[in-house]
Amino acid sequence: MPATMNKGLLIRMPYSLYEQARKLCKKRYTTISSFIRELIVEQLENSLSPEEEKTVALAEKQYLKGKGTSWRKVRRG
């Protein structure tokens, strides 16, 4: 059974950003630590899988070769 490890982070940010985060946490009745954890989990869940990253890279290569679809064709049908 793997051991659970807690890690501490020191995050430096502009005071104005800290104040905005603090006010938001106060409205949500949560701590700043909990708020940051939720943001990290959200970003990890919304990131692309390796397969999706390969698809995007392939599409970018095709676009650079002129094989992409014009946005005008997509927009105007």
Protein backbone atom coordinates (compact mmCIF):
# COMPACT_ATOMS: atom_id res chain seq x y z
CA MET A 1 0.00 0.00 0.00
CA PRO A 2 1.61 3.31 -1.05
CA ALA A 3 2.24 5.92 1.59
CA THR A 4 0.40 9.22 1.31
CA MET A 5 2.70 12.21 1.33
CA ASN A 6 1.69 15.79 1.95
CA LYS A 7 3.67 18.45 0.16
CA GLY A 8 3.75 22.14 0.93
CA LEU A 9 3.98 24.83 -1.72
CA LEU A 10 5.11 28.40 -1.42
CA ILE A 11 3.33 30.46 -4.03
CA ARG A 12 4.32 34.04 -4.70
CA MET A 13 1.75 36.29 -6.32
CA PRO A 14 0.90 39.96 -6.51
CA TYR A 15 -0.94 41.20 -3.45
CA SER A 16 -3.93 42.28 -5.55
CA LEU A 17 -4.33 38.74 -6.90
CA TYR A 18 -4.05 37.31 -3.39
CA GLU A 19 -6.76 39.67 -2.16
CA GLN A 20 -9.08 38.64 -4.99
CA ALA A 21 -8.49 34.96 -4.21
CA ARG A 22 -9.02 35.56 -0.49
CA LYS A 23 -12.33 37.35 -1.12
CA LEU A 24 -13.51 34.61 -3.46
CA CYS A 25 -12.63 31.93 -0.90
CA LYS A 26 -14.47 33.84 1.80
CA LYS A 27 -17.61 33.94 -0.39
CA ARG A 28 -17.32 30.18 -1.03
CA TYR A 29 -16.53 29.35 2.61
CA THR A 30 -13.33 27.54 1.63
CA THR A 31 -9.63 27.91 2.32
CA ILE A 32 -7.12 29.20 -0.18
CA SER A 33 -5.34 25.83 -0.07
CA SER A 34 -8.56 24.01 -0.95
CA PHE A 35 -9.28 26.52 -3.71
CA ILE A 36 -5.82 25.98 -5.27
CA ARG A 37 -6.17 22.18 -5.03
CA GLU A 38 -9.51 22.39 -6.86
CA LEU A 39 -7.97 24.53 -9.60
CA ILE A 40 -5.11 22.07 -10.08
CA VAL A 41 -7.47 19.08 -10.27
CA GLU A 42 -9.66 20.95 -12.76
CA GLN A 43 -6.67 21.72 -14.98
CA LEU A 44 -5.45 18.12 -14.86
CA GLU A 45 -8.88 16.76 -15.76
CA ASN A 46 -9.22 19.21 -18.65
CA SER A 47 -5.78 18.55 -20.12
CA LEU A 48 -5.44 16.57 -23.34
CA SER A 49 -4.56 12.91 -23.36
CA PRO A 50 -1.36 11.85 -25.20
CA GLU A 51 -3.50 10.55 -28.06
CA GLU A 52 -5.34 13.86 -28.33
CA GLU A 53 -2.04 15.75 -28.28
CA LYS A 54 -0.83 13.63 -31.21
CA THR A 55 -4.02 14.44 -33.13
CA VAL A 56 -3.53 18.18 -32.53
CA ALA A 57 0.13 18.00 -33.58
CA LEU A 58 -0.81 16.17 -36.79
CA ALA A 59 -3.50 18.71 -37.59
CA GLU A 60 -1.02 21.57 -37.01
CA LYS A 61 1.46 19.95 -39.43
CA GLN A 62 -1.26 19.52 -42.05
CA TYR A 63 -2.32 23.15 -41.62
CA LEU A 64 1.25 24.36 -42.13
CA LYS A 65 1.40 22.33 -45.36
CA GLY A 66 -1.73 24.13 -46.59
CA LYS A 67 -4.02 21.14 -46.06
CA GLY A 68 -6.18 22.81 -43.43
CA THR A 69 -9.79 23.90 -43.81
CA SER A 70 -10.41 27.59 -44.33
CA TRP A 71 -12.39 29.13 -41.50
CA ARG A 72 -14.52 30.86 -44.11
CA LYS A 73 -15.67 27.51 -45.47
CA VAL A 74 -16.51 26.36 -41.98
CA ARG A 75 -18.24 29.60 -41.03
CA ARG A 76 -20.24 29.99 -44.24
CA GLY A 77 -20.87 26.33 -44.90
